[in-house]
Amino acid sequence: NTILRLSGLALLLCQGGASAQVSTILQPFPNAAGNV
C-alpha cells in the first residue's frame, strides 16, 4: 500500500483470474490514432 509517483507508474488495474494483472497508468498507451 504505497503511493506510486510519476516515476514509478506501476498500478494495479484489475484482478484477473488467480493472479493480479499489473498494468501502467500516467504513461501513454498506444491506440490506432496515436497515444492516450
PDB file of all heavy atoms in Angstrom:
ATOM      1  N   ASN A   1       0.833  -1.196   0.000  1.00  0.00           N
ATOM      2  CA  ASN A   1       0.000   0.000   0.000  1.00  0.00           C
ATOM      3  C   ASN A   1       0.871   1.251   0.000  1.00  0.00           C
ATOM      4  O   ASN A   1       0.906   2.022   0.937  1.00  0.00           O
ATOM      5  CB  ASN A   1      -0.917  -0.006   1.221  1.00  0.00           C
ATOM      6  CG  ASN A   1      -1.914  -1.128   1.135  1.00  0.00           C
ATOM      7  OD1 ASN A   1      -2.115  -1.684   0.064  1.00  0.00           O
ATOM      8  ND2 ASN A   1      -2.522  -1.466   2.240  1.00  0.00           N
ATOM      9  N   THR A   2       1.566   1.411  -1.079  1.00  0.00           N
ATOM     10  CA  THR A   2       2.421   2.584  -1.238  1.00  0.00           C
ATOM     11  C   THR A   2       1.866   3.464  -2.323  1.00  0.00           C
ATOM     12  O   THR A   2       1.170   3.008  -3.223  1.00  0.00           O
ATOM     13  CB  THR A   2       3.854   2.166  -1.615  1.00  0.00           C
ATOM     14  OG1 THR A   2       3.797   1.350  -2.778  1.00  0.00           O
ATOM     15  CG2 THR A   2       4.503   1.392  -0.485  1.00  0.00           C
ATOM     16  N   ILE A   3       2.193   4.732  -2.233  1.00  0.00           N
ATOM     17  CA  ILE A   3       1.767   5.660  -3.269  1.00  0.00           C
ATOM     18  C   ILE A   3       2.802   5.641  -4.389  1.00  0.00           C
ATOM     19  O   ILE A   3       3.991   5.773  -4.145  1.00  0.00           O
ATOM     20  CB  ILE A   3       1.604   7.081  -2.707  1.00  0.00           C
ATOM     21  CG1 ILE A   3       0.428   7.091  -1.734  1.00  0.00           C
ATOM     22  CG2 ILE A   3       1.391   8.089  -3.803  1.00  0.00           C
ATOM     23  CD1 ILE A   3       0.168   8.438  -1.114  1.00  0.00           C
ATOM     24  N   LEU A   4       2.323   5.470  -5.611  1.00  0.00           N
ATOM     25  CA  LEU A   4       3.219   5.363  -6.743  1.00  0.00           C
ATOM     26  C   LEU A   4       3.315   6.715  -7.443  1.00  0.00           C
ATOM     27  O   LEU A   4       2.328   7.225  -7.954  1.00  0.00           O
ATOM     28  CB  LEU A   4       2.698   4.294  -7.707  1.00  0.00           C
ATOM     29  CG  LEU A   4       2.516   2.916  -7.055  1.00  0.00           C
ATOM     30  CD1 LEU A   4       2.008   1.934  -8.081  1.00  0.00           C
ATOM     31  CD2 LEU A   4       3.816   2.435  -6.451  1.00  0.00           C
ATOM     32  N   ARG A   5       4.484   7.273  -7.464  1.00  0.00           N
ATOM     33  CA  ARG A   5       4.701   8.574  -8.084  1.00  0.00           C
ATOM     34  C   ARG A   5       4.843   8.423  -9.596  1.00  0.00           C
ATOM     35  O   ARG A   5       4.925   7.328 -10.140  1.00  0.00           O
ATOM     36  CB  ARG A   5       5.970   9.212  -7.497  1.00  0.00           C
ATOM     37  CG  ARG A   5       5.877   9.401  -5.980  1.00  0.00           C
ATOM     38  CD  ARG A   5       4.936  10.543  -5.634  1.00  0.00           C
ATOM     39  NE  ARG A   5       4.669  10.591  -4.195  1.00  0.00           N
ATOM     40  CZ  ARG A   5       3.857  11.465  -3.643  1.00  0.00           C
ATOM     41  NH1 ARG A   5       3.229  12.344  -4.376  1.00  0.00           N
ATOM     42  NH2 ARG A   5       3.669  11.455  -2.346  1.00  0.00           N
ATOM     43  N   LEU A   6       4.903   9.554 -10.257  1.00  0.00           N
ATOM     44  CA  LEU A   6       5.021   9.528 -11.712  1.00  0.00           C
ATOM     45  C   LEU A   6       6.247   8.756 -12.169  1.00  0.00           C
ATOM     46  O   LEU A   6       6.277   8.222 -13.264  1.00  0.00           O
ATOM     47  CB  LEU A   6       5.089  10.962 -12.242  1.00  0.00           C
ATOM     48  CG  LEU A   6       3.769  11.733 -12.190  1.00  0.00           C
ATOM     49  CD1 LEU A   6       4.014  13.194 -12.544  1.00  0.00           C
ATOM     50  CD2 LEU A   6       2.760  11.140 -13.134  1.00  0.00           C
ATOM     51  N   SER A   7       7.278   8.702 -11.339  1.00  0.00           N
ATOM     52  CA  SER A   7       8.469   7.964 -11.718  1.00  0.00           C
ATOM     53  C   SER A   7       8.285   6.462 -11.584  1.00  0.00           C
ATOM     54  O   SER A   7       9.047   5.681 -12.148  1.00  0.00           O
ATOM     55  CB  SER A   7       9.653   8.405 -10.850  1.00  0.00           C
ATOM     56  OG  SER A   7       9.358   8.173  -9.482  1.00  0.00           O
ATOM     57  N   GLY A   8       7.288   6.045 -10.798  1.00  0.00           N
ATOM     58  CA  GLY A   8       7.062   4.624 -10.593  1.00  0.00           C
ATOM     59  C   GLY A   8       6.181   4.031 -11.665  1.00  0.00           C
ATOM     60  O   GLY A   8       6.580   3.145 -12.396  1.00  0.00           O
ATOM     61  N   LEU A   9       4.951   4.509 -11.726  1.00  0.00           N
ATOM     62  CA  LEU A   9       4.000   4.213 -12.787  1.00  0.00           C
ATOM     63  C   LEU A   9       3.330   2.851 -12.731  1.00  0.00           C
ATOM     64  O   LEU A   9       2.383   2.627 -13.454  1.00  0.00           O
ATOM     65  CB  LEU A   9       4.644   4.368 -14.174  1.00  0.00           C
ATOM     66  CG  LEU A   9       5.203   5.747 -14.485  1.00  0.00           C
ATOM     67  CD1 LEU A   9       5.772   5.759 -15.884  1.00  0.00           C
ATOM     68  CD2 LEU A   9       4.142   6.801 -14.351  1.00  0.00           C
ATOM     69  N   ALA A  10       3.795   1.899 -11.959  1.00  0.00           N
ATOM     70  CA  ALA A  10       3.093   0.616 -11.909  1.00  0.00           C
ATOM     71  C   ALA A  10       1.802   0.799 -11.137  1.00  0.00           C
ATOM     72  O   ALA A  10       1.757   1.515 -10.152  1.00  0.00           O
ATOM     73  CB  ALA A  10       3.954  -0.432 -11.233  1.00  0.00           C
ATOM     74  N   LEU A  11       0.751   0.164 -11.597  1.00  0.00           N
ATOM     75  CA  LEU A  11      -0.549   0.343 -10.945  1.00  0.00           C
ATOM     76  C   LEU A  11      -1.398  -0.896 -11.124  1.00  0.00           C
ATOM     77  O   LEU A  11      -1.531  -1.420 -12.216  1.00  0.00           O
ATOM     78  CB  LEU A  11      -1.273   1.548 -11.560  1.00  0.00           C
ATOM     79  CG  LEU A  11      -2.692   1.777 -11.062  1.00  0.00           C
ATOM     80  CD1 LEU A  11      -2.665   2.124  -9.594  1.00  0.00           C
ATOM     81  CD2 LEU A  11      -3.349   2.870 -11.840  1.00  0.00           C
ATOM     82  N   LEU A  12      -1.960  -1.373 -10.053  1.00  0.00           N
ATOM     83  CA  LEU A  12      -2.889  -2.490 -10.118  1.00  0.00           C
ATOM     84  C   LEU A  12      -4.169  -2.025 -10.792  1.00  0.00           C
ATOM     85  O   LEU A  12      -4.832  -1.126 -10.329  1.00  0.00           O
ATOM     86  CB  LEU A  12      -3.203  -2.985  -8.704  1.00  0.00           C
ATOM     87  CG  LEU A  12      -4.103  -4.212  -8.594  1.00  0.00           C
ATOM     88  CD1 LEU A  12      -3.390  -5.427  -9.166  1.00  0.00           C
ATOM     89  CD2 LEU A  12      -4.478  -4.447  -7.151  1.00  0.00           C
ATOM     90  N   LEU A  13      -4.502  -2.647 -11.926  1.00  0.00           N
ATOM     91  CA  LEU A  13      -5.671  -2.209 -12.681  1.00  0.00           C
ATOM     92  C   LEU A  13      -6.835  -3.169 -12.558  1.00  0.00           C
ATOM     93  O   LEU A  13      -7.972  -2.770 -12.670  1.00  0.00           O
ATOM     94  CB  LEU A  13      -5.309  -2.058 -14.161  1.00  0.00           C
ATOM     95  CG  LEU A  13      -4.629  -0.743 -14.521  1.00  0.00           C
ATOM     96  CD1 LEU A  13      -4.461  -0.665 -16.018  1.00  0.00           C
ATOM     97  CD2 LEU A  13      -5.428   0.439 -14.023  1.00  0.00           C
ATOM     98  N   CYS A  14      -6.603  -4.422 -12.416  1.00  0.00           N
ATOM     99  CA  CYS A  14      -7.736  -5.345 -12.354  1.00  0.00           C
ATOM    100  C   CYS A  14      -7.279  -6.651 -11.732  1.00  0.00           C
ATOM    101  O   CYS A  14      -6.097  -6.984 -11.754  1.00  0.00           O
ATOM    102  CB  CYS A  14      -8.325  -5.608 -13.744  1.00  0.00           C
ATOM    103  SG  CYS A  14      -7.185  -6.372 -14.895  1.00  0.00           S
ATOM    104  N   GLN A  15      -8.222  -7.373 -11.209  1.00  0.00           N
ATOM    105  CA  GLN A  15      -7.940  -8.698 -10.683  1.00  0.00           C
ATOM    106  C   GLN A  15      -8.283  -9.693 -11.788  1.00  0.00           C
ATOM    107  O   GLN A  15      -9.410  -9.778 -12.233  1.00  0.00           O
ATOM    108  CB  GLN A  15      -8.791  -8.971  -9.445  1.00  0.00           C
ATOM    109  CG  GLN A  15      -8.553  -7.984  -8.317  1.00  0.00           C
ATOM    110  CD  GLN A  15      -7.160  -8.107  -7.729  1.00  0.00           C
ATOM    111  OE1 GLN A  15      -6.635  -9.195  -7.634  1.00  0.00           O
ATOM    112  NE2 GLN A  15      -6.575  -7.000  -7.353  1.00  0.00           N
ATOM    113  N   GLY A  16      -7.316 -10.440 -12.256  1.00  0.00           N
ATOM    114  CA  GLY A  16      -7.557 -11.349 -13.368  1.00  0.00           C
ATOM    115  C   GLY A  16      -7.297 -12.789 -12.980  1.00  0.00           C
ATOM    116  O   GLY A  16      -6.149 -13.202 -12.845  1.00  0.00           O
ATOM    117  N   GLY A  17      -8.358 -13.572 -12.842  1.00  0.00           N
ATOM    118  CA  GLY A  17      -8.199 -14.972 -12.513  1.00  0.00           C
ATOM    119  C   GLY A  17      -7.498 -15.144 -11.175  1.00  0.00           C
ATOM    120  O   GLY A  17      -7.761 -14.450 -10.208  1.00  0.00           O
ATOM    121  N   ALA A  18      -6.567 -16.063 -11.134  1.00  0.00           N
ATOM    122  CA  ALA A  18      -5.905 -16.377  -9.872  1.00  0.00           C
ATOM    123  C   ALA A  18      -4.807 -15.393  -9.520  1.00  0.00           C
ATOM    124  O   ALA A  18      -4.391 -15.287  -8.381  1.00  0.00           O
ATOM    125  CB  ALA A  18      -5.315 -17.793  -9.936  1.00  0.00           C
ATOM    126  N   SER A  19      -4.305 -14.670 -10.510  1.00  0.00           N
ATOM    127  CA  SER A  19      -3.212 -13.736 -10.252  1.00  0.00           C
ATOM    128  C   SER A  19      -3.593 -12.351 -10.714  1.00  0.00           C
ATOM    129  O   SER A  19      -4.356 -12.178 -11.651  1.00  0.00           O
ATOM    130  CB  SER A  19      -1.936 -14.194 -10.969  1.00  0.00           C
ATOM    131  OG  SER A  19      -2.151 -14.234 -12.362  1.00  0.00           O
ATOM    132  N   ALA A  20      -3.027 -11.359 -10.037  1.00  0.00           N
ATOM    133  CA  ALA A  20      -3.340  -9.979 -10.375  1.00  0.00           C
ATOM    134  C   ALA A  20      -2.620  -9.563 -11.646  1.00  0.00           C
ATOM    135  O   ALA A  20      -1.455  -9.879 -11.850  1.00  0.00           O
ATOM    136  CB  ALA A  20      -2.942  -9.062  -9.221  1.00  0.00           C
ATOM    137  N   GLN A  21      -3.332  -8.847 -12.536  1.00  0.00           N
ATOM    138  CA  GLN A  21      -2.711  -8.268 -13.708  1.00  0.00           C
ATOM    139  C   GLN A  21      -2.225  -6.869 -13.342  1.00  0.00           C
ATOM    140  O   GLN A  21      -2.965  -6.079 -12.781  1.00  0.00           O
ATOM    141  CB  GLN A  21      -3.713  -8.166 -14.861  1.00  0.00           C
ATOM    142  CG  GLN A  21      -4.196  -9.516 -15.373  1.00  0.00           C
ATOM    143  CD  GLN A  21      -5.187  -9.336 -16.507  1.00  0.00           C
ATOM    144  OE1 GLN A  21      -5.625  -8.236 -16.789  1.00  0.00           O
ATOM    145  NE2 GLN A  21      -5.532 -10.421 -17.145  1.00  0.00           N
ATOM    146  N   VAL A  22      -0.999  -6.575 -13.666  1.00  0.00           N
ATOM    147  CA  VAL A  22      -0.441  -5.269 -13.380  1.00  0.00           C
ATOM    148  C   VAL A  22      -0.213  -4.542 -14.689  1.00  0.00           C
ATOM    149  O   VAL A  22       0.389  -5.071 -15.611  1.00  0.00           O
ATOM    150  CB  VAL A  22       0.883  -5.386 -12.601  1.00  0.00           C
ATOM    151  CG1 VAL A  22       1.476  -4.017 -12.352  1.00  0.00           C
ATOM    152  CG2 VAL A  22       0.640  -6.089 -11.280  1.00  0.00           C
ATOM    153  N   SER A  23      -0.746  -3.348 -14.788  1.00  0.00           N
ATOM    154  CA  SER A  23      -0.532  -2.536 -15.971  1.00  0.00           C
ATOM    155  C   SER A  23       0.034  -1.195 -15.529  1.00  0.00           C
ATOM    156  O   SER A  23       0.530  -1.072 -14.416  1.00  0.00           O
ATOM    157  CB  SER A  23      -1.856  -2.371 -16.729  1.00  0.00           C
ATOM    158  OG  SER A  23      -1.630  -1.748 -17.974  1.00  0.00           O
ATOM    159  N   THR A  24      -0.031  -0.218 -16.382  1.00  0.00           N
ATOM    160  CA  THR A  24       0.557   1.077 -16.053  1.00  0.00           C
ATOM    161  C   THR A  24      -0.433   2.187 -16.301  1.00  0.00           C
ATOM    162  O   THR A  24      -1.363   2.067 -17.079  1.00  0.00           O
ATOM    163  CB  THR A  24       1.817   1.332 -16.886  1.00  0.00           C
ATOM    164  OG1 THR A  24       1.502   1.164 -18.259  1.00  0.00           O
ATOM    165  CG2 THR A  24       2.926   0.397 -16.501  1.00  0.00           C
ATOM    166  N   ILE A  25      -0.235   3.284 -15.615  1.00  0.00           N
ATOM    167  CA  ILE A  25      -1.063   4.468 -15.762  1.00  0.00           C
ATOM    168  C   ILE A  25      -0.135   5.670 -15.700  1.00  0.00           C
ATOM    169  O   ILE A  25       1.014   5.551 -15.284  1.00  0.00           O
ATOM    170  CB  ILE A  25      -2.135   4.522 -14.656  1.00  0.00           C
ATOM    171  CG1 ILE A  25      -3.241   5.501 -15.018  1.00  0.00           C
ATOM    172  CG2 ILE A  25      -1.532   4.877 -13.323  1.00  0.00           C
ATOM    173  CD1 ILE A  25      -4.436   5.425 -14.092  1.00  0.00           C
ATOM    174  N   LEU A  26      -0.600   6.807 -16.123  1.00  0.00           N
ATOM    175  CA  LEU A  26       0.170   8.046 -16.136  1.00  0.00           C
ATOM    176  C   LEU A  26       1.282   8.007 -17.172  1.00  0.00           C
ATOM    177  O   LEU A  26       2.088   8.919 -17.249  1.00  0.00           O
ATOM    178  CB  LEU A  26       0.743   8.373 -14.753  1.00  0.00           C
ATOM    179  CG  LEU A  26      -0.279   8.514 -13.631  1.00  0.00           C
ATOM    180  CD1 LEU A  26       0.419   8.728 -12.295  1.00  0.00           C
ATOM    181  CD2 LEU A  26      -1.228   9.667 -13.902  1.00  0.00           C
ATOM    182  N   GLN A  27       1.325   6.991 -17.981  1.00  0.00           N
ATOM    183  CA  GLN A  27       2.207   6.961 -19.131  1.00  0.00           C
ATOM    184  C   GLN A  27       1.309   6.789 -20.356  1.00  0.00           C
ATOM    185  O   GLN A  27       0.173   6.345 -20.235  1.00  0.00           O
ATOM    186  CB  GLN A  27       3.202   5.805 -19.049  1.00  0.00           C
ATOM    187  CG  GLN A  27       2.575   4.426 -19.236  1.00  0.00           C
ATOM    188  CD  GLN A  27       3.619   3.328 -19.282  1.00  0.00           C
ATOM    189  OE1 GLN A  27       4.579   3.355 -18.521  1.00  0.00           O
ATOM    190  NE2 GLN A  27       3.446   2.377 -20.159  1.00  0.00           N
ATOM    191  N   PRO A  28       1.783   7.142 -21.538  1.00  0.00           N
ATOM    192  CA  PRO A  28       0.945   6.996 -22.729  1.00  0.00           C
ATOM    193  C   PRO A  28       0.699   5.527 -23.076  1.00  0.00           C
ATOM    194  O   PRO A  28       1.569   4.680 -22.894  1.00  0.00           O
ATOM    195  CB  PRO A  28       1.770   7.689 -23.819  1.00  0.00           C
ATOM    196  CG  PRO A  28       2.727   8.574 -23.096  1.00  0.00           C
ATOM    197  CD  PRO A  28       3.028   7.854 -21.820  1.00  0.00           C
ATOM    198  N   PHE A  29      -0.501   5.243 -23.581  1.00  0.00           N
ATOM    199  CA  PHE A  29      -0.840   3.927 -24.096  1.00  0.00           C
ATOM    200  C   PHE A  29      -1.167   4.058 -25.578  1.00  0.00           C
ATOM    201  O   PHE A  29      -1.889   4.978 -25.977  1.00  0.00           O
ATOM    202  CB  PHE A  29      -2.045   3.344 -23.364  1.00  0.00           C
ATOM    203  CG  PHE A  29      -1.777   2.917 -21.957  1.00  0.00           C
ATOM    204  CD1 PHE A  29      -1.973   3.780 -20.898  1.00  0.00           C
ATOM    205  CD2 PHE A  29      -1.316   1.635 -21.684  1.00  0.00           C
ATOM    206  CE1 PHE A  29      -1.739   3.386 -19.592  1.00  0.00           C
ATOM    207  CE2 PHE A  29      -1.069   1.225 -20.382  1.00  0.00           C
ATOM    208  CZ  PHE A  29      -1.271   2.096 -19.335  1.00  0.00           C
ATOM    209  N   PRO A  30      -0.684   3.161 -26.407  1.00  0.00           N
ATOM    210  CA  PRO A  30      -0.922   3.276 -27.851  1.00  0.00           C
ATOM    211  C   PRO A  30      -2.351   2.899 -28.232  1.00  0.00           C
ATOM    212  O   PRO A  30      -2.987   2.074 -27.594  1.00  0.00           O
ATOM    213  CB  PRO A  30       0.085   2.285 -28.440  1.00  0.00           C
ATOM    214  CG  PRO A  30       0.292   1.271 -27.361  1.00  0.00           C
ATOM    215  CD  PRO A  30       0.183   2.026 -26.060  1.00  0.00           C
ATOM    216  N   ASN A  31      -2.838   3.533 -29.281  1.00  0.00           N
ATOM    217  CA  ASN A  31      -4.098   3.151 -29.920  1.00  0.00           C
ATOM    218  C   ASN A  31      -3.974   3.436 -31.410  1.00  0.00           C
ATOM    219  O   ASN A  31      -2.907   3.856 -31.884  1.00  0.00           O
ATOM    220  CB  ASN A  31      -5.294   3.875 -29.294  1.00  0.00           C
ATOM    221  CG  ASN A  31      -5.135   5.382 -29.287  1.00  0.00           C
ATOM    222  OD1 ASN A  31      -4.856   5.998 -30.313  1.00  0.00           O
ATOM    223  ND2 ASN A  31      -5.300   5.997 -28.111  1.00  0.00           N
ATOM    224  N   ALA A  32      -5.038   3.215 -32.162  1.00  0.00           N
ATOM    225  CA  ALA A  32      -4.967   3.322 -33.616  1.00  0.00           C
ATOM    226  C   ALA A  32      -4.594   4.722 -34.094  1.00  0.00           C
ATOM    227  O   ALA A  32      -4.022   4.881 -35.177  1.00  0.00           O
ATOM    228  CB  ALA A  32      -6.305   2.899 -34.229  1.00  0.00           C
ATOM    229  N   ALA A  33      -4.895   5.742 -33.295  1.00  0.00           N
ATOM    230  CA  ALA A  33      -4.634   7.120 -33.721  1.00  0.00           C
ATOM    231  C   ALA A  33      -3.329   7.681 -33.180  1.00  0.00           C
ATOM    232  O   ALA A  33      -2.863   8.715 -33.654  1.00  0.00           O
ATOM    233  CB  ALA A  33      -5.788   8.022 -33.306  1.00  0.00           C
ATOM    234  N   GLY A  34      -2.748   7.045 -32.181  1.00  0.00           N
ATOM    235  CA  GLY A  34      -1.541   7.571 -31.565  1.00  0.00           C
ATOM    236  C   GLY A  34      -1.391   7.046 -30.154  1.00  0.00           C
ATOM    237  O   GLY A  34      -1.250   5.842 -29.940  1.00  0.00           O
ATOM    238  N   ASN A  35      -1.465   7.945 -29.169  1.00  0.00           N
ATOM    239  CA  ASN A  35      -1.345   7.541 -27.769  1.00  0.00           C
ATOM    240  C   ASN A  35      -2.334   8.304 -26.907  1.00  0.00           C
ATOM    241  O   ASN A  35      -2.596   9.490 -27.132  1.00  0.00           O
ATOM    242  CB  ASN A  35       0.066   7.810 -27.249  1.00  0.00           C
ATOM    243  CG  ASN A  35       1.094   6.873 -27.840  1.00  0.00           C
ATOM    244  OD1 ASN A  35       1.233   5.726 -27.414  1.00  0.00           O
ATOM    245  ND2 ASN A  35       1.816   7.345 -28.842  1.00  0.00           N
ATOM    246  N   VAL A  36      -2.874   7.617 -25.899  1.00  0.00           N
ATOM    247  CA  VAL A  36      -3.758   8.221 -24.915  1.00  0.00           C
ATOM    248  C   VAL A  36      -3.030   8.250 -23.586  1.00  0.00           C
ATOM    249  O   VAL A  36      -2.135   7.436 -23.327  1.00  0.00           O
ATOM    250  CB  VAL A  36      -5.075   7.422 -24.786  1.00  0.00           C
ATOM    251  CG1 VAL A  36      -4.845   6.063 -24.134  1.00  0.00           C
ATOM    252  CG2 VAL A  36      -6.140   8.218 -24.054  1.00  0.00           C
TER     253      VAL A  36
END
